[in-house]
Protein backbone atom coordinates (compact mmCIF):
# COMPACT_ATOMS: atom_id res chain seq x y z
CA MET A 1 -42.30 -1.48 11.53
CA ASN A 2 -40.02 1.30 12.71
CA ILE A 3 -37.26 0.16 10.35
CA PHE A 4 -39.39 0.81 7.26
CA LYS A 5 -40.71 4.05 8.72
CA ASN A 6 -37.20 5.31 9.47
CA TYR A 7 -36.03 4.33 6.00
CA GLY A 8 -38.94 6.22 4.42
CA GLU A 9 -38.23 9.31 6.51
CA ARG A 10 -34.55 9.15 5.55
CA LEU A 11 -35.45 9.05 1.84
CA LYS A 12 -37.80 12.03 2.23
CA THR A 13 -35.04 14.05 3.88
CA GLU A 14 -32.42 12.92 1.38
CA PHE A 15 -34.42 13.79 -1.73
CA LYS A 16 -36.08 16.94 -0.41
CA GLY A 17 -35.55 19.67 -3.01
CA TYR A 18 -33.93 17.23 -5.44
CA ASN A 19 -33.67 18.75 -8.92
CA GLY A 20 -31.82 18.55 -12.22
CA LYS A 21 -28.68 20.07 -10.72
CA SER A 22 -28.61 17.43 -7.99
CA LEU A 23 -29.16 14.72 -10.60
CA SER A 24 -26.21 15.94 -12.68
CA LYS A 25 -23.98 15.92 -9.59
CA ASP A 26 -25.01 12.35 -8.79
CA MET A 27 -24.33 11.28 -12.39
CA LEU A 28 -20.87 12.88 -12.51
CA ALA A 29 -19.99 11.47 -9.11
CA GLY A 30 -21.19 8.03 -10.24
CA ILE A 31 -18.95 8.17 -13.33
CA THR A 32 -15.99 9.22 -11.16
CA VAL A 33 -16.58 6.39 -8.69
CA ALA A 34 -16.92 3.88 -11.55
CA ALA A 35 -13.48 4.93 -12.81
CA VAL A 36 -12.07 3.99 -9.40
CA ALA A 37 -14.23 0.88 -8.99
CA LEU A 38 -13.58 -0.70 -12.40
CA PRO A 39 -9.94 -1.75 -11.90
CA LEU A 40 -10.57 -2.64 -8.24
CA ALA A 41 -13.62 -4.77 -9.08
CA LEU A 42 -11.60 -6.68 -11.68
CA ALA A 43 -8.65 -7.07 -9.33
CA PHE A 44 -10.68 -8.18 -6.33
CA GLY A 45 -12.67 -10.60 -8.46
CA VAL A 46 -9.48 -12.31 -9.65
CA SER A 47 -7.70 -12.18 -6.28
CA SER A 48 -10.67 -13.77 -4.51
CA GLY A 49 -10.16 -16.92 -6.53
CA ALA A 50 -13.22 -16.23 -8.69
CA THR A 51 -13.07 -14.28 -11.96
CA ALA A 52 -12.81 -10.66 -13.04
CA ALA A 53 -16.41 -10.91 -14.26
CA SER A 54 -17.50 -11.96 -10.74
CA GLY A 55 -15.90 -8.82 -9.35
CA LEU A 56 -17.73 -6.65 -11.88
CA ILE A 57 -21.09 -8.34 -11.23
CA THR A 58 -20.58 -7.88 -7.49
CA ALA A 59 -19.95 -4.16 -7.90
CA ILE A 60 -22.94 -3.76 -10.24
CA VAL A 61 -25.50 -5.64 -8.15
CA ALA A 62 -24.22 -4.22 -4.86
CA GLY A 63 -24.20 -0.73 -6.34
CA VAL A 64 -27.92 -0.97 -7.12
CA ILE A 65 -29.40 -3.10 -4.32
CA ILE A 66 -27.21 -2.19 -1.34
CA GLY A 67 -26.85 1.38 -2.56
CA LEU A 68 -30.62 1.94 -2.69
CA LEU A 69 -31.29 0.25 0.66
CA SER A 70 -28.27 1.70 2.47
CA GLY A 71 -28.40 3.40 5.83
CA GLY A 72 -26.66 6.47 4.37
CA SER A 73 -26.86 8.51 1.19
CA TYR A 74 -23.16 8.07 0.49
CA GLN A 75 -22.26 4.37 0.91
CA ILE A 76 -20.73 2.63 -2.11
CA SER A 77 -20.53 -1.15 -1.80
CA GLY A 78 -18.79 -3.81 -3.83
CA PRO A 79 -15.97 -6.35 -3.67
CA THR A 80 -13.19 -5.33 -1.28
CA GLY A 81 -9.66 -6.37 -0.51
CA ALA A 82 -10.56 -7.42 2.99
CA MET A 83 -13.14 -9.88 1.70
CA THR A 84 -10.72 -11.48 -0.75
CA ALA A 85 -8.61 -12.61 2.21
CA ILE A 86 -11.46 -14.90 3.28
CA LEU A 87 -12.62 -15.93 -0.17
CA LEU A 88 -9.28 -17.11 -1.51
CA SER A 89 -9.02 -19.99 0.97
CA LEU A 90 -12.76 -20.63 0.68
CA VAL A 91 -12.56 -21.10 -3.09
CA ALA A 92 -9.59 -23.44 -2.70
CA LYS A 93 -11.56 -25.67 -0.32
CA TYR A 94 -15.19 -25.40 -1.49
CA GLN A 95 -14.96 -23.99 -5.05
CA LEU A 96 -17.18 -21.13 -6.21
CA GLN A 97 -20.43 -22.86 -5.24
CA GLY A 98 -19.16 -22.87 -1.66
CA VAL A 99 -18.54 -19.11 -1.89
CA PHE A 100 -22.06 -18.54 -3.22
CA ILE A 101 -23.65 -20.58 -0.42
CA ALA A 102 -21.52 -18.87 2.25
CA SER A 103 -22.44 -15.47 0.80
CA LEU A 104 -26.16 -16.30 0.99
CA MET A 105 -25.76 -17.52 4.59
CA SER A 106 -23.75 -14.43 5.57
CA GLY A 107 -26.45 -12.24 4.06
CA ILE A 108 -29.04 -13.93 6.25
CA ILE A 109 -26.83 -13.38 9.31
CA LEU A 110 -26.37 -9.68 8.47
CA LEU A 111 -30.10 -9.25 7.90
CA ILE A 112 -30.82 -10.78 11.30
CA CYS A 113 -28.21 -8.52 12.92
CA GLY A 114 -29.93 -5.50 11.39
CA LEU A 115 -33.39 -6.59 12.49
CA LEU A 116 -32.05 -7.23 16.01
CA LYS A 117 -30.51 -3.73 15.97
CA LEU A 118 -26.94 -4.86 16.56
CA GLY A 119 -25.50 -1.96 14.59
CA LYS A 120 -23.69 -0.51 17.60
CA ILE A 121 -21.60 -3.62 18.19
CA VAL A 122 -18.66 -2.32 16.13
CA SER A 123 -18.30 0.66 18.49
CA TYR A 124 -17.06 -1.72 21.18
CA LEU A 125 -14.01 -2.75 19.16
CA PRO A 126 -10.82 -0.96 20.32
CA LEU A 127 -9.08 1.12 17.65
CA PRO A 128 -5.76 -0.81 17.87
CA VAL A 129 -7.67 -4.06 17.27
CA ILE A 130 -9.39 -2.63 14.17
CA THR A 131 -6.11 -1.19 12.89
CA GLY A 132 -4.27 -4.48 13.48
CA PHE A 133 -7.07 -6.34 11.74
CA THR A 134 -6.80 -4.04 8.71
CA SER A 135 -3.01 -4.36 8.58
CA GLY A 136 -3.30 -8.15 8.76
CA ILE A 137 -5.73 -8.14 5.85
CA ALA A 138 -3.35 -5.90 3.89
CA ILE A 139 -0.57 -8.45 4.39
CA ILE A 140 -2.84 -11.27 3.21
CA ILE A 141 -3.86 -9.29 0.11
CA ALA A 142 -0.25 -8.44 -0.78
CA PHE A 143 0.85 -12.02 -0.16
CA GLY A 144 -1.99 -13.33 -2.30
CA GLN A 145 -0.70 -11.35 -5.29
CA ILE A 146 2.79 -12.83 -5.32
CA ASN A 147 1.78 -15.42 -7.94
CA ASN A 148 0.30 -12.91 -10.38
CA PHE A 149 3.11 -10.46 -9.61
CA THR A 150 6.00 -12.86 -10.26
CA GLY A 151 4.67 -15.89 -12.10
CA LEU A 152 5.48 -18.14 -9.13
CA THR A 153 2.98 -20.72 -7.88
CA CYS A 154 1.97 -21.87 -4.41
CA SER A 155 -0.46 -24.30 -2.84
CA GLY A 156 -2.14 -24.76 0.53
CA ASP A 157 -5.10 -23.52 2.54
CA SER A 158 -3.29 -21.12 4.87
CA THR A 159 -0.75 -18.33 4.53
CA ILE A 160 1.87 -20.43 6.30
CA SER A 161 1.36 -23.52 4.10
CA LYS A 162 1.48 -21.35 0.97
CA THR A 163 4.71 -19.73 2.13
CA VAL A 164 6.27 -23.13 2.70
CA SER A 165 5.16 -24.34 -0.75
CA TYR A 166 7.25 -21.63 -2.45
CA PHE A 167 10.35 -23.39 -1.13
CA THR A 168 9.22 -26.98 -1.49
CA THR A 169 7.95 -26.98 -5.09
CA GLU A 170 9.64 -26.16 -8.38
CA GLN A 171 9.17 -22.50 -9.33
CA HIS A 172 9.40 -20.53 -12.57
CA PHE A 173 9.96 -16.80 -12.19
CA SER A 174 8.59 -14.63 -15.02
CA LEU A 175 10.67 -11.49 -15.50
CA THR A 176 8.13 -9.93 -17.89
CA THR A 177 5.32 -10.46 -15.40
CA PHE A 178 7.39 -8.95 -12.60
CA ILE A 179 8.35 -5.89 -14.70
CA ILE A 180 4.68 -5.18 -15.52
CA GLY A 181 3.61 -5.49 -11.89
CA ALA A 182 6.53 -3.44 -10.57
CA ALA A 183 5.93 -0.75 -13.22
CA VAL A 184 2.30 -0.43 -12.10
CA VAL A 185 3.36 -0.11 -8.45
CA LEU A 186 5.99 2.53 -9.30
CA PHE A 187 3.56 4.40 -11.58
CA MET A 188 0.88 4.56 -8.86
CA ALA A 189 3.40 5.57 -6.20
CA LEU A 190 4.68 8.50 -8.31
CA TYR A 191 1.31 9.49 -9.76
CA PRO A 192 0.51 13.16 -8.91
CA LYS A 193 -2.16 13.48 -6.23
CA LYS A 194 -3.75 16.47 -7.97
CA ILE A 195 -4.40 14.42 -11.10
CA ASN A 196 -5.56 11.44 -9.05
CA GLN A 197 -8.57 13.47 -7.88
CA TYR A 198 -9.85 13.63 -11.45
CA PHE A 199 -8.37 10.49 -13.01
CA PRO A 200 -7.47 7.68 -10.59
CA SER A 201 -3.98 6.25 -10.73
CA SER A 202 -5.24 2.66 -10.71
CA LEU A 203 -7.30 3.21 -13.88
CA ALA A 204 -4.46 5.07 -15.59
CA ALA A 205 -2.02 2.26 -14.74
CA ILE A 206 -4.41 -0.42 -16.05
CA ILE A 207 -5.00 1.50 -19.29
CA LEU A 208 -1.24 1.90 -19.92
CA ALA A 209 -0.49 -1.72 -19.07
CA THR A 210 -3.28 -2.95 -21.36
CA ALA A 211 -2.13 -0.65 -24.16
CA CYS A 212 1.37 -2.12 -23.85
CA GLU A 213 -0.15 -5.61 -23.98
CA PHE A 214 -1.93 -4.76 -27.25
CA ILE A 215 1.26 -3.28 -28.73
CA PHE A 216 3.86 -5.84 -27.61
CA ASP A 217 1.63 -8.89 -27.08
CA PHE A 218 3.39 -10.04 -23.90
CA ASP A 219 3.39 -13.70 -23.02
CA VAL A 220 1.75 -13.17 -19.62
CA ALA A 221 -1.48 -14.26 -17.92
CA GLN A 222 -4.51 -12.11 -18.75
CA VAL A 223 -7.95 -11.49 -17.28
CA GLY A 224 -9.62 -13.66 -19.89
CA GLU A 225 -13.09 -13.60 -21.42
CA ILE A 226 -15.69 -11.27 -19.92
CA PRO A 227 -19.23 -12.62 -20.50
CA LYS A 228 -21.69 -10.02 -21.77
CA THR A 229 -24.41 -10.94 -19.31
CA VAL A 230 -25.39 -10.03 -15.75
CA PHE A 231 -26.15 -13.70 -15.02
CA LEU A 232 -22.81 -15.45 -15.08
CA PRO A 233 -22.73 -19.12 -16.11
CA ASP A 234 -21.23 -20.05 -12.73
CA ARG A 235 -23.73 -18.82 -10.11
CA LEU A 236 -25.62 -20.12 -7.09
CA ASP A 237 -27.69 -23.22 -7.82
CA LEU A 238 -29.99 -23.92 -4.86
CA SER A 239 -30.97 -27.33 -6.24
CA ALA A 240 -27.38 -28.51 -5.80
CA VAL A 241 -27.03 -27.30 -2.18
CA THR A 242 -26.74 -30.05 0.42
CA LEU A 243 -27.09 -30.00 4.19
CA GLU A 244 -23.50 -31.20 4.51
CA GLN A 245 -22.29 -28.17 2.54
CA VAL A 246 -24.32 -25.80 4.71
CA GLU A 247 -22.93 -27.30 7.91
CA GLY A 248 -19.37 -27.05 6.63
CA LEU A 249 -19.81 -23.41 5.60
CA ILE A 250 -21.26 -22.09 8.86
CA VAL A 251 -17.91 -20.80 10.17
CA PRO A 252 -16.87 -19.18 6.82
CA ALA A 253 -20.33 -17.57 6.59
CA ILE A 254 -19.94 -16.11 10.08
CA SER A 255 -16.49 -14.82 9.09
CA ILE A 256 -17.89 -13.15 5.97
CA ALA A 257 -20.79 -11.65 7.93
CA ALA A 258 -18.50 -10.39 10.70
CA LEU A 259 -16.17 -8.79 8.18
CA GLY A 260 -19.07 -7.28 6.26
CA LEU A 261 -20.51 -5.84 9.47
CA ILE A 262 -17.22 -4.38 10.67
CA GLU A 263 -16.08 -2.97 7.33
CA SER A 264 -19.45 -1.52 6.32
CA LEU A 265 -20.14 0.18 9.66
CA LEU A 266 -16.60 1.55 9.97
CA CYS A 267 -16.88 2.88 6.43
CA GLY A 268 -20.22 4.47 7.26
CA ALA A 269 -18.92 6.06 10.44
CA SER A 270 -15.84 7.48 8.71
CA ALA A 271 -17.68 8.69 5.61
CA GLY A 272 -20.54 10.03 7.73
CA ARG A 273 -18.13 12.46 9.37
CA MET A 274 -16.94 13.54 5.92
CA LYS A 275 -20.49 14.33 4.77
CA ASN A 276 -21.82 15.38 8.19
CA GLU A 277 -24.53 12.74 7.99
CA LYS A 278 -25.01 9.99 10.54
CA LEU A 279 -25.29 6.43 9.26
CA ASP A 280 -28.32 4.35 10.24
CA ALA A 281 -26.23 1.33 11.23
CA ASN A 282 -29.13 -1.12 11.52
CA GLN A 283 -30.53 -0.14 8.12
CA GLU A 284 -27.04 -0.55 6.65
CA LEU A 285 -26.81 -4.10 8.00
CA ILE A 286 -30.22 -4.88 6.48
CA ALA A 287 -29.03 -3.51 3.13
CA GLN A 288 -25.78 -5.50 3.28
CA GLY A 289 -27.75 -8.61 4.26
CA ILE A 290 -30.24 -8.37 1.38
CA GLY A 291 -27.47 -7.51 -1.08
CA ASN A 292 -25.33 -10.49 -0.14
CA MET A 293 -28.34 -12.78 -0.31
CA VAL A 294 -29.06 -11.68 -3.89
CA ILE A 295 -25.52 -11.33 -5.33
CA PRO A 296 -24.75 -15.11 -5.45
CA PHE A 297 -27.70 -15.68 -7.81
CA PHE A 298 -25.91 -13.45 -10.34
CA GLY A 299 -22.52 -15.14 -9.85
CA GLY A 300 -20.93 -12.44 -7.71
CA VAL A 301 -18.84 -12.68 -4.55
CA PRO A 302 -19.70 -11.17 -1.14
CA ALA A 303 -19.72 -7.38 -0.95
CA THR A 304 -19.21 -4.77 1.76
CA ALA A 305 -19.15 -0.98 1.85
CA ALA A 306 -15.82 0.30 0.51
CA ILE A 307 -14.25 3.35 2.14
CA ALA A 308 -12.10 4.31 -0.89
CA ARG A 309 -15.03 4.37 -3.32
CA THR A 310 -17.34 5.97 -0.75
CA ALA A 311 -14.82 8.75 -0.08
CA VAL A 312 -14.47 9.37 -3.82
CA ALA A 313 -18.26 9.62 -4.15
CA ILE A 314 -18.42 12.26 -1.42
CA LYS A 315 -15.46 14.25 -2.72
CA ALA A 316 -16.89 14.12 -6.26
CA GLY A 317 -20.03 15.88 -5.04
CA GLY A 318 -22.49 12.99 -4.87
CA LYS A 319 -25.75 14.16 -3.30
CA THR A 320 -27.82 11.00 -2.85
CA ARG A 321 -27.70 7.20 -3.05
CA LEU A 322 -28.33 7.49 -6.80
CA THR A 323 -24.56 8.03 -7.09
CA SER A 324 -24.15 4.34 -6.25
CA VAL A 325 -26.73 3.37 -8.88
CA PHE A 326 -25.07 5.49 -11.60
CA HIS A 327 -21.70 3.98 -10.77
CA ALA A 328 -23.25 0.53 -11.23
CA VAL A 329 -24.76 1.54 -14.57
CA VAL A 330 -21.38 2.78 -15.85
CA LEU A 331 -19.76 -0.51 -14.78
CA LEU A 332 -22.52 -2.44 -16.57
CA LEU A 333 -21.95 -0.46 -19.77
CA SER A 334 -18.21 -1.07 -19.44
CA MET A 335 -18.85 -4.78 -19.13
CA PHE A 336 -20.82 -4.86 -22.37
CA LEU A 337 -18.88 -2.30 -24.40
CA LEU A 338 -15.30 -2.86 -23.22
CA ALA A 339 -15.30 -6.63 -22.70
CA PRO A 340 -12.72 -7.32 -25.48
CA VAL A 341 -10.34 -4.75 -24.00
CA ILE A 342 -10.88 -5.82 -20.38
CA SER A 343 -10.14 -9.43 -21.29
CA ARG A 344 -6.60 -8.42 -22.38
CA ILE A 345 -5.63 -6.75 -19.08
CA PRO A 346 -2.48 -8.44 -17.69
CA LEU A 347 -3.06 -10.06 -14.30
CA ALA A 348 0.32 -8.66 -13.26
CA ALA A 349 -1.10 -5.15 -13.69
CA LEU A 350 -4.05 -5.98 -11.44
CA ALA A 351 -1.60 -7.50 -8.95
CA GLY A 352 0.35 -4.23 -8.92
CA VAL A 353 -2.86 -2.30 -8.25
CA LEU A 354 -3.68 -4.59 -5.32
CA MET A 355 -0.15 -4.31 -3.93
CA MET A 356 -0.58 -0.54 -3.72
CA THR A 357 -4.13 -0.94 -2.40
CA ALA A 358 -2.80 -3.19 0.37
CA TRP A 359 -0.18 -0.60 1.29
CA ARG A 360 -2.74 2.20 1.38
CA MET A 361 -5.21 0.15 3.43
CA ASN A 362 -2.99 0.64 6.46
CA ASP A 363 -3.95 3.65 8.55
CA TRP A 364 -0.37 4.84 8.91
CA ALA A 365 -1.26 7.88 11.02
CA VAL A 366 -2.97 5.67 13.62
CA ILE A 367 -0.14 3.12 13.51
CA ARG A 368 2.46 5.82 14.09
CA GLY A 369 0.37 7.13 16.97
CA ILE A 370 0.14 3.68 18.57
CA PHE A 371 3.90 3.18 18.56
CA SER A 372 4.97 6.79 19.20
CA ARG A 373 2.95 6.93 22.44
CA LYS A 374 4.67 3.69 23.52
CA ILE A 375 1.58 2.41 25.33
CA LYS A 376 2.38 -1.28 25.65
CA THR A 377 -1.25 -2.42 25.77
CA GLN A 378 -2.16 -0.68 22.50
CA MET A 379 1.00 -1.92 20.81
CA ALA A 380 0.25 -5.48 21.91
CA GLN A 381 -3.39 -5.20 20.77
CA TYR A 382 -2.27 -4.08 17.32
CA LEU A 383 0.50 -6.67 16.87
CA ILE A 384 -1.48 -9.61 18.28
CA THR A 385 -4.53 -8.87 16.12
CA MET A 386 -2.40 -8.37 13.00
CA ALA A 387 -0.52 -11.64 13.57
CA ALA A 388 -3.73 -13.53 14.36
CA THR A 389 -5.35 -12.19 11.17
CA VAL A 390 -2.49 -13.51 9.06
CA VAL A 391 -2.20 -16.87 10.81
CA PHE A 392 -5.82 -17.69 11.73
CA ASP A 393 -9.33 -17.15 10.45
CA LEU A 394 -10.32 -13.47 10.35
CA THR A 395 -13.19 -13.92 12.81
CA ILE A 396 -10.88 -15.70 15.23
CA ALA A 397 -8.42 -12.83 14.86
CA ILE A 398 -11.07 -10.31 15.91
CA LEU A 399 -12.05 -12.49 18.86
CA ILE A 400 -8.42 -12.84 19.93
CA GLY A 401 -7.89 -9.08 19.70
CA VAL A 402 -11.05 -8.28 21.67
CA LEU A 403 -10.35 -11.00 24.25
CA PHE A 404 -6.84 -9.66 24.78
CA SER A 405 -8.27 -6.14 25.18
CA VAL A 406 -10.79 -7.38 27.75
CA VAL A 407 -8.08 -9.18 29.72
CA MET A 408 -5.88 -6.06 29.68
CA PHE A 409 -8.82 -3.93 30.82
CA VAL A 410 -9.65 -6.32 33.65
CA LEU A 411 -6.02 -6.33 34.80
CA LYS A 412 -5.93 -2.55 34.65
CA VAL A 413 -9.13 -1.95 36.61
CA SER A 414 -8.14 -4.64 39.08
CA ASP A 415 -5.39 -2.39 40.37
CA MET A 416 -7.18 -1.28 43.56
CA GLN A 417 -5.45 1.41 45.58
CA ILE A 418 -5.99 1.33 49.36
CA SER A 419 -4.32 3.76 51.74
CA VAL A 420 -4.83 4.07 55.51
CA ALA A 421 -4.31 7.30 57.43
CA ASP A 422 -4.72 7.95 61.19
CA VAL A 423 -6.73 11.02 62.14
CA ASP A 424 -4.57 13.71 63.76
CA PRO A 425 -6.82 15.61 66.28
CA GLU A 426 -4.47 18.63 66.37
CA ARG A 427 -5.15 19.28 62.68
CA MET A 428 -8.91 18.84 62.98
CA PRO A 429 -11.12 21.95 63.32
CA GLY A 430 -14.13 22.28 65.62
CA ASN A 431 -15.45 19.29 67.51
CA ALA A 432 -13.14 16.90 65.63
CA GLY A 433 -10.41 17.93 68.07
CA ASN A 434 -12.16 15.81 70.71
CA ILE A 435 -11.07 12.61 68.88
CA GLU A 436 -8.40 10.69 70.75
CA ALA A 437 -5.12 10.41 68.86
CA GLY A 438 -4.31 7.04 67.27
CA LYS A 439 -7.80 5.64 67.78
CA THR A 440 -9.40 6.56 64.44
CA SER A 441 -8.26 5.60 60.92
CA VAL A 442 -9.59 6.61 57.50
CA VAL A 443 -9.33 3.94 54.79
CA TYR A 444 -9.23 5.50 51.30
CA ILE A 445 -10.28 3.02 48.58
CA THR A 446 -9.83 3.74 44.87
CA GLY A 447 -10.86 1.30 42.16
CA PRO A 448 -13.74 -1.10 41.50
CA LEU A 449 -14.89 -3.36 44.31
CA TYR A 450 -15.56 -6.65 42.57
CA PHE A 451 -14.43 -10.28 42.44
CA GLY A 452 -11.16 -9.32 40.73
CA THR A 453 -10.13 -7.01 43.57
CA SER A 454 -11.71 -8.74 46.56
CA SER A 455 -8.48 -10.61 47.47
CA GLN A 456 -6.51 -7.34 47.38
CA LEU A 457 -9.07 -5.73 49.66
CA GLU A 458 -8.82 -8.63 52.11
CA ASP A 459 -5.01 -8.44 52.23
CA LYS A 460 -4.77 -4.67 52.63
CA LEU A 461 -7.36 -4.37 55.42
CA SER A 462 -5.68 -6.85 57.73
CA GLY A 463 -3.63 -4.25 59.66
CA ILE A 464 -6.31 -1.89 60.97
CA GLU A 465 -8.03 -4.01 63.60
CA ASP A 466 -6.56 -2.16 66.63
CA LYS A 467 -8.60 1.05 66.27
CA GLU A 468 -11.75 2.29 67.94
CA THR A 469 -13.23 3.74 64.77
CA VAL A 470 -12.61 2.96 61.07
CA ILE A 471 -13.94 5.26 58.33
CA PHE A 472 -14.15 3.93 54.77
CA SER A 473 -13.87 6.78 52.25
CA MET A 474 -15.09 5.32 48.93
CA ARG A 475 -15.42 8.28 46.57
CA GLY A 476 -12.97 6.55 44.20
CA VAL A 477 -15.00 3.32 43.92
CA PRO A 478 -17.07 3.54 40.69
CA PHE A 479 -18.90 0.21 41.01
CA ALA A 480 -19.13 -2.92 43.14
CA ASP A 481 -20.36 -6.47 42.77
CA ALA A 482 -21.64 -9.00 45.30
CA SER A 483 -18.25 -10.73 45.71
CA GLY A 484 -16.44 -7.52 46.61
CA VAL A 485 -19.20 -6.39 48.95
CA GLN A 486 -19.20 -9.79 50.68
CA VAL A 487 -15.49 -9.50 51.53
CA LEU A 488 -16.07 -6.00 52.89
CA GLN A 489 -19.14 -7.23 54.79
CA GLU A 490 -17.16 -10.00 56.45
CA PHE A 491 -14.45 -7.55 57.48
CA VAL A 492 -17.00 -5.09 58.88
CA SER A 493 -18.58 -7.95 60.89
CA ALA A 494 -15.14 -8.85 62.28
CA LEU A 495 -14.59 -5.22 63.34
CA ALA A 496 -18.03 -5.03 64.94
CA ALA A 497 -17.26 -8.19 66.93
CA LYS A 498 -14.29 -6.32 68.42
CA ASP A 499 -16.53 -3.33 69.27
CA ILE A 500 -14.92 -1.16 66.56
CA THR A 501 -17.20 1.48 65.07
CA VAL A 502 -17.40 1.45 61.26
CA LEU A 503 -18.51 4.44 59.15
CA PHE A 504 -18.77 4.93 55.38
CA THR A 505 -18.39 8.19 53.46
CA ALA A 506 -18.68 9.49 49.89
CA ILE A 507 -20.24 6.35 48.38
CA GLN A 508 -21.29 6.47 44.72
CA PRO A 509 -25.02 5.69 44.14
CA PRO A 510 -24.41 2.39 42.24
CA VAL A 511 -22.13 1.18 45.05
CA LYS A 512 -24.66 2.20 47.72
CA GLU A 513 -27.36 0.33 45.84
CA MET A 514 -25.24 -2.84 45.89
CA PHE A 515 -24.61 -2.33 49.63
CA ASP A 516 -28.38 -2.13 50.15
CA ARG A 517 -29.06 -5.26 48.12
CA CYS A 518 -26.33 -7.29 49.86
CA GLY A 519 -27.47 -6.22 53.35
CA LEU A 520 -24.33 -4.30 54.29
CA THR A 521 -26.27 -1.08 54.82
CA SER A 522 -28.64 -2.70 57.29
CA ASP A 523 -25.73 -4.40 59.09
CA VAL A 524 -23.88 -1.12 59.62
CA GLY A 525 -26.90 1.15 60.01
CA GLU A 526 -28.09 3.85 57.62
CA GLU A 527 -27.13 6.55 60.15
CA ARG A 528 -23.45 5.64 59.70
CA PHE A 529 -23.26 6.61 56.02
CA PHE A 530 -22.13 10.19 55.30
CA TRP A 531 -21.57 12.41 52.28
CA SER A 532 -18.03 13.33 53.32
CA THR A 533 -15.32 12.31 55.77
CA ASP A 534 -15.52 15.57 57.75
CA LYS A 535 -19.20 14.85 58.50
CA ALA A 536 -18.20 11.41 59.79
CA LEU A 537 -15.51 12.98 61.98
CA ASP A 538 -18.08 15.41 63.40
CA TYR A 539 -20.33 12.44 64.18
CA ILE A 540 -17.47 10.63 66.01
CA SER A 541 -16.34 13.70 67.97
CA ILE A 542 -19.85 14.68 69.08
CA ASP A 543 -20.77 11.09 69.89
CA GLY A 544 -17.50 10.53 71.72
CA PHE A 545 -17.81 13.84 73.62
CA SER A 546 -21.35 12.87 74.69
CA LYS A 547 -20.13 9.50 75.96
CA CYS A 548 -17.35 11.14 77.99
CA THR A 549 -19.75 13.66 79.52
CA ALA A 550 -22.20 10.91 80.45
CA ALA A 551 -19.42 8.89 82.10
CA GLU A 552 -18.34 11.89 84.24
């Protein structure tokens, strides 16, 4: 198959001239990425409703399997903040086994998408929709950390129901928890960017918070025990899967697959520009599919490509996909060697890390651009998608954003411009001066000729039925459908019945093809189609002059 052949060719190109120096760069980059991934994997594991160990296992397995099969040499996959927004409500409703089943199903969907070569689908999503989607996810992530950040508790399946529960149930605010979380946020916000390149702020904040926990022994919630095994006790058990569970998890699985597709391909496109290497989108979907089919059997949660970790890998000098594997190995060693320390990490510290992650997820430059240009359509796309992401299912939010964009596009292109101008013989050179004044009109049409504009066309053509000749100049018509052509055809027939000559000029090839297929060309006559309006005027003047001469 071409997919396997392309993958093999990509590997040959990627590892051509690979040597010890390249290996050392991959190893160092892998260690650097692991330093960034460790606190995030723990945080995303907890925030998804699973465990910190699940987050680590996800990063480890995804780092090896998805990393090796990836459509680019630079992709780093693992648990992400965007995915936790789906998983949190999924865990509450179906428990972890439901997450594992949905992950397996989403992996199958992604694999099928890759095999069907649907990798280009993400390119059809408007930028404001993607940005609004990301901002909505950031809000969900930040909101989901309120409990660990403050010690408060909430209940419910949706963001709205959880918000209401804060005011309808008895709450206990933990000042110590809040101070730890706020200190982490402040520390990361003030952390020098130059140092962050070599030692990530999230890792530094977690280390300091954990050190304080060991020293002062705070009475706050902690990560808890980290099993020293890659096969977690709570993992996918196929023997316990029922048809009823599968049917109930179809929609969540589609949501996970859609998010995995969007996030992974956007990450690949962005990182590909950084490394000047194009992502094989279809191969990436295959890799994500296989990875998410395997991860549940280890007890991990769904994974996607992560732009933050991928960017770190590129900036750290990673040469090949082995960077992803080395990062996974470092995380595995951390799991076995640092388990006692990791288990003491305060959840408030992880909540602070995720609060800052949520803030940084927003593409502020794009958001500022959307609102500074004051283009109402883009602003509406962004706000509607963001609101829909927070209120509804993430897949529904994308559909709402895209549907709104399509509606706006249809309304925009439906704005057909039609202007009518009488030919002034005194301003016409050559034979065109023979045309009788007030007897010839040129109809200039701009915009698509289709069902959405056919009624406009009908209304605007009603006042030109008292001429001898009507010229339709259609250079500004990019395409036409049968409905639009039918309206024009009926009008041309009405003019012909009144012995009015009809000519067409400057027709685009796709429009002319539709005229041919609908029979309008044969009705009018091929000889009455011209490249330009001046040629049509020459035809009228010569033809009219000949008629006058014959009459004399």
